[in-house]
Amino acid sequence: MRVTAVVGMMRSSDRDERGDAERKRFELFLKLIEGMNVPEMRIESLHDINTQRSSLRWLDRNLGVRNSNHKDFQRARNILNLLLKNRNR
C-alpha cells in the first residue's frame, strides 16, 4: 500500500506574509552589506530583478574574501543563504 504525504494547502494570505518576510530579509541584507567591502556594481545589480539572482550567487562565492572578519559577516551569510534558497524555488 502506497501512502502519500499530506501537504498543507497554501492560502493566498500565506503568500503575502512570505512575500513580506522575503522583502524584509532582503532589505536587512542590503543594510548589512552596506558597511562591507562589496563592489558598488554588485549592490546596484541586486536592485535589478534580471541580475539579482546572479549577483546573489556571486556574493555567495565572494562575500567572505574581504569581509570574513566583519562583525556582521556570519549574519549576512545566513540571510544570503535564505535568499538563495527562496530564489531557487
PDB file of N, CA and C in Angstrom:
ATOM      1  N   MET A   1       0.841  -1.167   0.000  1.00  0.00           N
ATOM      2  CA  MET A   1       0.000   0.000   0.000  1.00  0.00           C
ATOM      3  C   MET A   1       0.891   1.237   0.000  1.00  0.00           C
ATOM      4  N   ARG A   2       0.633   2.134  -0.914  1.00  0.00           N
ATOM      5  CA  ARG A   2       1.383   3.370  -1.009  1.00  0.00           C
ATOM      6  C   ARG A   2       0.704   4.465  -0.209  1.00  0.00           C
ATOM      7  N   VAL A   3       1.513   5.199   0.515  1.00  0.00           N
ATOM      8  CA  VAL A   3       0.986   6.309   1.304  1.00  0.00           C
ATOM      9  C   VAL A   3       1.590   7.589   0.760  1.00  0.00           C
ATOM     10  N   THR A   4       0.755   8.543   0.476  1.00  0.00           N
ATOM     11  CA  THR A   4       1.253   9.836   0.010  1.00  0.00           C
ATOM     12  C   THR A   4       1.300  10.810   1.168  1.00  0.00           C
ATOM     13  N   ALA A   5       2.285  11.642   1.127  1.00  0.00           N
ATOM     14  CA  ALA A   5       2.452  12.619   2.201  1.00  0.00           C
ATOM     15  C   ALA A   5       1.370  13.680   2.122  1.00  0.00           C
ATOM     16  N   VAL A   6       0.963  14.136   3.270  1.00  0.00           N
ATOM     17  CA  VAL A   6      -0.036  15.192   3.336  1.00  0.00           C
ATOM     18  C   VAL A   6       0.702  16.520   3.252  1.00  0.00           C
ATOM     19  N   VAL A   7       0.315  17.305   2.298  1.00  0.00           N
ATOM     20  CA  VAL A   7       0.942  18.605   2.104  1.00  0.00           C
ATOM     21  C   VAL A   7      -0.076  19.676   2.442  1.00  0.00           C
ATOM     22  N   GLY A   8       0.328  20.599   3.295  1.00  0.00           N
ATOM     23  CA  GLY A   8      -0.579  21.680   3.672  1.00  0.00           C
ATOM     24  C   GLY A   8      -0.907  22.563   2.487  1.00  0.00           C
ATOM     25  N   MET A   9      -2.120  22.990   2.430  1.00  0.00           N
ATOM     26  CA  MET A   9      -2.543  23.858   1.336  1.00  0.00           C
ATOM     27  C   MET A   9      -2.107  25.286   1.635  1.00  0.00           C
ATOM     28  N   MET A  10      -1.649  25.951   0.602  1.00  0.00           N
ATOM     29  CA  MET A  10      -1.260  27.337   0.772  1.00  0.00           C
ATOM     30  C   MET A  10      -2.471  28.220   0.553  1.00  0.00           C
ATOM     31  N   ARG A  11      -2.569  29.195   1.360  1.00  0.00           N
ATOM     32  CA  ARG A  11      -3.643  30.179   1.208  1.00  0.00           C
ATOM     33  C   ARG A  11      -3.037  31.450   0.638  1.00  0.00           C
ATOM     34  N   SER A  12      -3.850  32.256   0.051  1.00  0.00           N
ATOM     35  CA  SER A  12      -3.327  33.484  -0.535  1.00  0.00           C
ATOM     36  C   SER A  12      -2.720  34.388   0.536  1.00  0.00           C
ATOM     37  N   SER A  13      -3.245  34.342   1.744  1.00  0.00           N
ATOM     38  CA  SER A  13      -2.681  35.169   2.809  1.00  0.00           C
ATOM     39  C   SER A  13      -1.296  34.685   3.211  1.00  0.00           C
ATOM     40  N   ASP A  14      -1.037  33.381   3.096  1.00  0.00           N
ATOM     41  CA  ASP A  14       0.290  32.852   3.405  1.00  0.00           C
ATOM     42  C   ASP A  14       1.334  33.405   2.439  1.00  0.00           C
ATOM     43  N   ARG A  15       0.977  33.505   1.190  1.00  0.00           N
ATOM     44  CA  ARG A  15       1.908  34.023   0.193  1.00  0.00           C
ATOM     45  C   ARG A  15       2.257  35.479   0.481  1.00  0.00           C
ATOM     46  N   ASP A  16       1.273  36.256   0.907  1.00  0.00           N
ATOM     47  CA  ASP A  16       1.533  37.648   1.225  1.00  0.00           C
ATOM     48  C   ASP A  16       2.497  37.768   2.395  1.00  0.00           C
ATOM     49  N   GLU A  17       2.303  36.958   3.423  1.00  0.00           N
ATOM     50  CA  GLU A  17       3.189  37.006   4.576  1.00  0.00           C
ATOM     51  C   GLU A  17       4.596  36.575   4.210  1.00  0.00           C
ATOM     52  N   ARG A  18       4.717  35.558   3.363  1.00  0.00           N
ATOM     53  CA  ARG A  18       6.044  35.117   2.944  1.00  0.00           C
ATOM     54  C   ARG A  18       6.708  36.173   2.085  1.00  0.00           C
ATOM     55  N   GLY A  19       5.944  36.840   1.252  1.00  0.00           N
ATOM     56  CA  GLY A  19       6.492  37.909   0.424  1.00  0.00           C
ATOM     57  C   GLY A  19       6.993  39.064   1.267  1.00  0.00           C
ATOM     58  N   ASP A  20       6.234  39.410   2.311  1.00  0.00           N
ATOM     59  CA  ASP A  20       6.673  40.473   3.220  1.00  0.00           C
ATOM     60  C   ASP A  20       7.940  40.070   3.952  1.00  0.00           C
ATOM     61  N   ALA A  21       7.991  38.842   4.414  1.00  0.00           N
ATOM     62  CA  ALA A  21       9.173  38.360   5.122  1.00  0.00           C
ATOM     63  C   ALA A  21      10.382  38.345   4.199  1.00  0.00           C
ATOM     64  N   GLU A  22      10.171  37.943   2.961  1.00  0.00           N
ATOM     65  CA  GLU A  22      11.261  37.925   1.981  1.00  0.00           C
ATOM     66  C   GLU A  22      11.771  39.334   1.703  1.00  0.00           C
ATOM     67  N   ARG A  23      10.866  40.278   1.561  1.00  0.00           N
ATOM     68  CA  ARG A  23      11.260  41.663   1.315  1.00  0.00           C
ATOM     69  C   ARG A  23      12.035  42.238   2.502  1.00  0.00           C
ATOM     70  N   LYS A  24      11.564  41.971   3.708  1.00  0.00           N
ATOM     71  CA  LYS A  24      12.260  42.454   4.904  1.00  0.00           C
ATOM     72  C   LYS A  24      13.644  41.821   5.020  1.00  0.00           C
ATOM     73  N   ARG A  25      13.727  40.547   4.696  1.00  0.00           N
ATOM     74  CA  ARG A  25      15.010  39.842   4.742  1.00  0.00           C
ATOM     75  C   ARG A  25      15.981  40.453   3.737  1.00  0.00           C
ATOM     76  N   PHE A  26      15.488  40.780   2.547  1.00  0.00           N
ATOM     77  CA  PHE A  26      16.327  41.385   1.517  1.00  0.00           C
ATOM     78  C   PHE A  26      16.799  42.771   1.945  1.00  0.00           C
ATOM     79  N   GLU A  27      15.909  43.570   2.526  1.00  0.00           N
ATOM     80  CA  GLU A  27      16.287  44.903   2.999  1.00  0.00           C
ATOM     81  C   GLU A  27      17.332  44.815   4.108  1.00  0.00           C
ATOM     82  N   LEU A  28      17.160  43.863   5.011  1.00  0.00           N
ATOM     83  CA  LEU A  28      18.149  43.676   6.072  1.00  0.00           C
ATOM     84  C   LEU A  28      19.499  43.281   5.491  1.00  0.00           C
ATOM     85  N   PHE A  29      19.482  42.417   4.500  1.00  0.00           N
ATOM     86  CA  PHE A  29      20.725  42.005   3.849  1.00  0.00           C
ATOM     87  C   PHE A  29      21.434  43.201   3.228  1.00  0.00           C
ATOM     88  N   LEU A  30      20.683  44.069   2.565  1.00  0.00           N
ATOM     89  CA  LEU A  30      21.284  45.260   1.964  1.00  0.00           C
ATOM     90  C   LEU A  30      21.899  46.170   3.023  1.00  0.00           C
ATOM     91  N   LYS A  31      21.224  46.302   4.160  1.00  0.00           N
ATOM     92  CA  LYS A  31      21.776  47.128   5.245  1.00  0.00           C
ATOM     93  C   LYS A  31      23.054  46.517   5.806  1.00  0.00           C
ATOM     94  N   LEU A  32      23.092  45.198   5.911  1.00  0.00           N
ATOM     95  CA  LEU A  32      24.269  44.532   6.460  1.00  0.00           C
ATOM     96  C   LEU A  32      25.483  44.664   5.547  1.00  0.00           C
ATOM     97  N   ILE A  33      25.276  44.599   4.248  1.00  0.00           N
ATOM     98  CA  ILE A  33      26.436  44.665   3.362  1.00  0.00           C
ATOM     99  C   ILE A  33      26.848  46.094   3.025  1.00  0.00           C
ATOM    100  N   GLU A  34      26.079  47.084   3.513  1.00  0.00           N
ATOM    101  CA  GLU A  34      26.472  48.482   3.295  1.00  0.00           C
ATOM    102  C   GLU A  34      27.856  48.766   3.848  1.00  0.00           C
ATOM    103  N   GLY A  35      28.145  48.259   5.028  1.00  0.00           N
ATOM    104  CA  GLY A  35      29.420  48.538   5.670  1.00  0.00           C
ATOM    105  C   GLY A  35      30.528  47.589   5.272  1.00  0.00           C
ATOM    106  N   MET A  36      30.256  46.677   4.374  1.00  0.00           N
ATOM    107  CA  MET A  36      31.253  45.698   3.956  1.00  0.00           C
ATOM    108  C   MET A  36      31.922  46.141   2.660  1.00  0.00           C
ATOM    109  N   ASN A  37      33.016  45.497   2.348  1.00  0.00           N
ATOM    110  CA  ASN A  37      33.765  45.785   1.139  1.00  0.00           C
ATOM    111  C   ASN A  37      33.177  44.968  -0.011  1.00  0.00           C
ATOM    112  N   VAL A  38      32.128  45.515  -0.628  1.00  0.00           N
ATOM    113  CA  VAL A  38      31.429  44.868  -1.741  1.00  0.00           C
ATOM    114  C   VAL A  38      31.411  45.860  -2.896  1.00  0.00           C
ATOM    115  N   PRO A  39      31.738  45.412  -4.109  1.00  0.00           N
ATOM    116  CA  PRO A  39      31.713  46.342  -5.248  1.00  0.00           C
ATOM    117  C   PRO A  39      30.337  46.992  -5.428  1.00  0.00           C
ATOM    118  N   GLU A  40      30.357  48.271  -5.703  1.00  0.00           N
ATOM    119  CA  GLU A  40      29.120  49.040  -5.869  1.00  0.00           C
ATOM    120  C   GLU A  40      28.259  48.468  -6.994  1.00  0.00           C
ATOM    121  N   MET A  41      28.905  47.950  -8.035  1.00  0.00           N
ATOM    122  CA  MET A  41      28.166  47.369  -9.152  1.00  0.00           C
ATOM    123  C   MET A  41      27.303  46.188  -8.688  1.00  0.00           C
ATOM    124  N   ARG A  42      27.813  45.389  -7.768  1.00  0.00           N
ATOM    125  CA  ARG A  42      27.055  44.236  -7.271  1.00  0.00           C
ATOM    126  C   ARG A  42      25.855  44.679  -6.452  1.00  0.00           C
ATOM    127  N   ILE A  43      26.039  45.709  -5.656  1.00  0.00           N
ATOM    128  CA  ILE A  43      24.928  46.214  -4.845  1.00  0.00           C
ATOM    129  C   ILE A  43      23.846  46.790  -5.757  1.00  0.00           C
ATOM    130  N   GLU A  44      24.260  47.519  -6.788  1.00  0.00           N
ATOM    131  CA  GLU A  44      23.287  48.077  -7.735  1.00  0.00           C
ATOM    132  C   GLU A  44      22.562  46.979  -8.499  1.00  0.00           C
ATOM    133  N   SER A  45      23.270  45.916  -8.848  1.00  0.00           N
ATOM    134  CA  SER A  45      22.635  44.843  -9.618  1.00  0.00           C
ATOM    135  C   SER A  45      21.678  44.019  -8.759  1.00  0.00           C
ATOM    136  N   LEU A  46      21.766  44.139  -7.450  1.00  0.00           N
ATOM    137  CA  LEU A  46      20.801  43.470  -6.574  1.00  0.00           C
ATOM    138  C   LEU A  46      19.416  44.100  -6.696  1.00  0.00           C
ATOM    139  N   HIS A  47      19.370  45.357  -7.065  1.00  0.00           N
ATOM    140  CA  HIS A  47      18.093  46.054  -7.195  1.00  0.00           C
ATOM    141  C   HIS A  47      17.391  45.741  -8.513  1.00  0.00           C
ATOM    142  N   ASP A  48      18.126  45.222  -9.485  1.00  0.00           N
ATOM    143  CA  ASP A  48      17.549  44.860 -10.784  1.00  0.00           C
ATOM    144  C   ASP A  48      17.111  43.397 -10.739  1.00  0.00           C
ATOM    145  N   ILE A  49      15.853  43.143 -10.998  1.00  0.00           N
ATOM    146  CA  ILE A  49      15.290  41.791 -10.889  1.00  0.00           C
ATOM    147  C   ILE A  49      15.945  40.829 -11.881  1.00  0.00           C
ATOM    148  N   ASN A  50      16.439  41.339 -13.024  1.00  0.00           N
ATOM    149  CA  ASN A  50      17.054  40.477 -14.030  1.00  0.00           C
ATOM    150  C   ASN A  50      18.441  39.992 -13.630  1.00  0.00           C
ATOM    151  N   THR A  51      19.159  40.781 -12.855  1.00  0.00           N
ATOM    152  CA  THR A  51      20.526  40.412 -12.465  1.00  0.00           C
ATOM    153  C   THR A  51      20.634  40.023 -11.000  1.00  0.00           C
ATOM    154  N   GLN A  52      19.540  40.056 -10.290  1.00  0.00           N
ATOM    155  CA  GLN A  52      19.571  39.816  -8.850  1.00  0.00           C
ATOM    156  C   GLN A  52      20.077  38.422  -8.490  1.00  0.00           C
ATOM    157  N   ARG A  53      19.584  37.412  -9.166  1.00  0.00           N
ATOM    158  CA  ARG A  53      19.973  36.041  -8.836  1.00  0.00           C
ATOM    159  C   ARG A  53      21.465  35.810  -9.067  1.00  0.00           C
ATOM    160  N   SER A  54      21.993  36.303 -10.182  1.00  0.00           N
ATOM    161  CA  SER A  54      23.418  36.114 -10.448  1.00  0.00           C
ATOM    162  C   SER A  54      24.275  36.886  -9.449  1.00  0.00           C
ATOM    163  N   SER A  55      23.804  38.050  -9.016  1.00  0.00           N
ATOM    164  CA  SER A  55      24.551  38.818  -8.013  1.00  0.00           C
ATOM    165  C   SER A  55      24.536  38.123  -6.658  1.00  0.00           C
ATOM    166  N   LEU A  56      23.409  37.527  -6.310  1.00  0.00           N
ATOM    167  CA  LEU A  56      23.348  36.777  -5.059  1.00  0.00           C
ATOM    168  C   LEU A  56      24.297  35.583  -5.092  1.00  0.00           C
ATOM    169  N   ARG A  57      24.367  34.899  -6.231  1.00  0.00           N
ATOM    170  CA  ARG A  57      25.294  33.774  -6.350  1.00  0.00           C
ATOM    171  C   ARG A  57      26.740  34.252  -6.280  1.00  0.00           C
ATOM    172  N   TRP A  58      27.033  35.400  -6.899  1.00  0.00           N
ATOM    173  CA  TRP A  58      28.372  35.962  -6.843  1.00  0.00           C
ATOM    174  C   TRP A  58      28.742  36.293  -5.392  1.00  0.00           C
ATOM    175  N   LEU A  59      27.809  36.910  -4.678  1.00  0.00           N
ATOM    176  CA  LEU A  59      28.050  37.238  -3.282  1.00  0.00           C
ATOM    177  C   LEU A  59      28.230  35.980  -2.438  1.00  0.00           C
ATOM    178  N   ASP A  60      27.513  34.938  -2.776  1.00  0.00           N
ATOM    179  CA  ASP A  60      27.658  33.674  -2.065  1.00  0.00           C
ATOM    180  C   ASP A  60      29.086  33.152  -2.172  1.00  0.00           C
ATOM    181  N   ARG A  61      29.675  33.306  -3.341  1.00  0.00           N
ATOM    182  CA  ARG A  61      31.043  32.832  -3.545  1.00  0.00           C
ATOM    183  C   ARG A  61      32.092  33.797  -3.001  1.00  0.00           C
ATOM    184  N   ASN A  62      31.832  35.104  -3.059  1.00  0.00           N
ATOM    185  CA  ASN A  62      32.895  36.078  -2.828  1.00  0.00           C
ATOM    186  C   ASN A  62      32.737  36.986  -1.619  1.00  0.00           C
ATOM    187  N   LEU A  63      31.670  36.884  -0.878  1.00  0.00           N
ATOM    188  CA  LEU A  63      31.455  37.807   0.239  1.00  0.00           C
ATOM    189  C   LEU A  63      32.540  37.667   1.308  1.00  0.00           C
ATOM    190  N   GLY A  64      32.991  36.472   1.539  1.00  0.00           N
ATOM    191  CA  GLY A  64      33.979  36.240   2.587  1.00  0.00           C
ATOM    192  C   GLY A  64      35.408  36.592   2.219  1.00  0.00           C
ATOM    193  N   VAL A  65      35.673  36.919   0.965  1.00  0.00           N
ATOM    194  CA  VAL A  65      37.046  37.181   0.535  1.00  0.00           C
ATOM    195  C   VAL A  65      37.645  38.355   1.301  1.00  0.00           C
ATOM    196  N   ARG A  66      36.932  39.457   1.364  1.00  0.00           N
ATOM    197  CA  ARG A  66      37.449  40.640   2.071  1.00  0.00           C
ATOM    198  C   ARG A  66      36.665  40.978   3.335  1.00  0.00           C
ATOM    199  N   ASN A  67      35.630  40.207   3.632  1.00  0.00           N
ATOM    200  CA  ASN A  67      34.747  40.567   4.740  1.00  0.00           C
ATOM    201  C   ASN A  67      34.628  39.499   5.810  1.00  0.00           C
ATOM    202  N   SER A  68      35.464  38.489   5.790  1.00  0.00           N
ATOM    203  CA  SER A  68      35.300  37.390   6.740  1.00  0.00           C
ATOM    204  C   SER A  68      35.521  37.824   8.189  1.00  0.00           C
ATOM    205  N   ASN A  69      36.220  38.928   8.392  1.00  0.00           N
ATOM    206  CA  ASN A  69      36.443  39.428   9.755  1.00  0.00           C
ATOM    207  C   ASN A  69      35.435  40.498  10.165  1.00  0.00           C
ATOM    208  N   HIS A  70      34.501  40.821   9.292  1.00  0.00           N
ATOM    209  CA  HIS A  70      33.484  41.837   9.601  1.00  0.00           C
ATOM    210  C   HIS A  70      32.546  41.296  10.679  1.00  0.00           C
ATOM    211  N   LYS A  71      32.102  42.171  11.575  1.00  0.00           N
ATOM    212  CA  LYS A  71      31.267  41.727  12.694  1.00  0.00           C
ATOM    213  C   LYS A  71      29.928  41.139  12.261  1.00  0.00           C
ATOM    214  N   ASP A  72      29.384  41.575  11.127  1.00  0.00           N
ATOM    215  CA  ASP A  72      28.091  41.083  10.652  1.00  0.00           C
ATOM    216  C   ASP A  72      28.207  40.060   9.530  1.00  0.00           C
ATOM    217  N   PHE A  73      29.404  39.542   9.297  1.00  0.00           N
ATOM    218  CA  PHE A  73      29.606  38.628   8.175  1.00  0.00           C
ATOM    219  C   PHE A  73      28.745  37.374   8.298  1.00  0.00           C
ATOM    220  N   GLN A  74      28.762  36.737   9.443  1.00  0.00           N
ATOM    221  CA  GLN A  74      28.016  35.479   9.583  1.00  0.00           C
ATOM    222  C   GLN A  74      26.514  35.699   9.454  1.00  0.00           C
ATOM    223  N   ARG A  75      26.038  36.791   9.979  1.00  0.00           N
ATOM    224  CA  ARG A  75      24.610  37.104   9.868  1.00  0.00           C
ATOM    225  C   ARG A  75      24.218  37.362   8.406  1.00  0.00           C
ATOM    226  N   ALA A  76      25.057  38.127   7.696  1.00  0.00           N
ATOM    227  CA  ALA A  76      24.797  38.390   6.277  1.00  0.00           C
ATOM    228  C   ALA A  76      24.864  37.087   5.477  1.00  0.00           C
ATOM    229  N   ARG A  77      25.777  36.226   5.829  1.00  0.00           N
ATOM    230  CA  ARG A  77      25.926  34.930   5.142  1.00  0.00           C
ATOM    231  C   ARG A  77      24.674  34.066   5.323  1.00  0.00           C
ATOM    232  N   ASN A  78      24.145  34.041   6.543  1.00  0.00           N
ATOM    233  CA  ASN A  78      22.932  33.264   6.805  1.00  0.00           C
ATOM    234  C   ASN A  78      21.736  33.802   6.024  1.00  0.00           C
ATOM    235  N   ILE A  79      21.587  35.110   6.003  1.00  0.00           N
ATOM    236  CA  ILE A  79      20.475  35.709   5.259  1.00  0.00           C
ATOM    237  C   ILE A  79      20.652  35.474   3.764  1.00  0.00           C
ATOM    238  N   LEU A  80      21.888  35.549   3.291  1.00  0.00           N
ATOM    239  CA  LEU A  80      22.158  35.279   1.878  1.00  0.00           C
ATOM    240  C   LEU A  80      21.754  33.853   1.506  1.00  0.00           C
ATOM    241  N   ASN A  81      22.049  32.898   2.364  1.00  0.00           N
ATOM    242  CA  ASN A  81      21.651  31.510   2.096  1.00  0.00           C
ATOM    243  C   ASN A  81      20.132  31.373   2.030  1.00  0.00           C
ATOM    244  N   LEU A  82      19.415  32.064   2.913  1.00  0.00           N
ATOM    245  CA  LEU A  82      17.958  32.026   2.866  1.00  0.00           C
ATOM    246  C   LEU A  82      17.417  32.659   1.583  1.00  0.00           C
ATOM    247  N   LEU A  83      18.015  33.759   1.177  1.00  0.00           N
ATOM    248  CA  LEU A  83      17.591  34.422  -0.060  1.00  0.00           C
ATOM    249  C   LEU A  83      17.809  33.517  -1.273  1.00  0.00           C
ATOM    250  N   LEU A  84      18.934  32.841  -1.299  1.00  0.00           N
ATOM    251  CA  LEU A  84      19.223  31.937  -2.415  1.00  0.00           C
ATOM    252  C   LEU A  84      18.275  30.745  -2.431  1.00  0.00           C
ATOM    253  N   LYS A  85      17.946  30.223  -1.280  1.00  0.00           N
ATOM    254  CA  LYS A  85      17.005  29.095  -1.233  1.00  0.00           C
ATOM    255  C   LYS A  85      15.651  29.505  -1.790  1.00  0.00           C
ATOM    256  N   ASN A  86      15.187  30.688  -1.425  1.00  0.00           N
ATOM    257  CA  ASN A  86      13.883  31.150  -1.892  1.00  0.00           C
ATOM    258  C   ASN A  86      13.897  31.510  -3.374  1.00  0.00           C
ATOM    259  N   ARG A  87      15.042  31.930  -3.905  1.00  0.00           N
ATOM    260  CA  ARG A  87      15.133  32.259  -5.338  1.00  0.00           C
ATOM    261  C   ARG A  87      15.120  30.983  -6.179  1.00  0.00           C
ATOM    262  N   ASN A  88      15.564  29.871  -5.625  1.00  0.00           N
ATOM    263  CA  ASN A  88      15.634  28.629  -6.385  1.00  0.00           C
ATOM    264  C   ASN A  88      14.310  27.900  -6.449  1.00  0.00           C
ATOM    265  N   ARG A  89      13.325  28.342  -5.735  1.00  0.00           N
ATOM    266  CA  ARG A  89      12.019  27.670  -5.745  1.00  0.00           C
ATOM    267  C   ARG A  89      11.243  28.000  -6.976  1.00  0.00           C
TER     268      ARG A  89
END
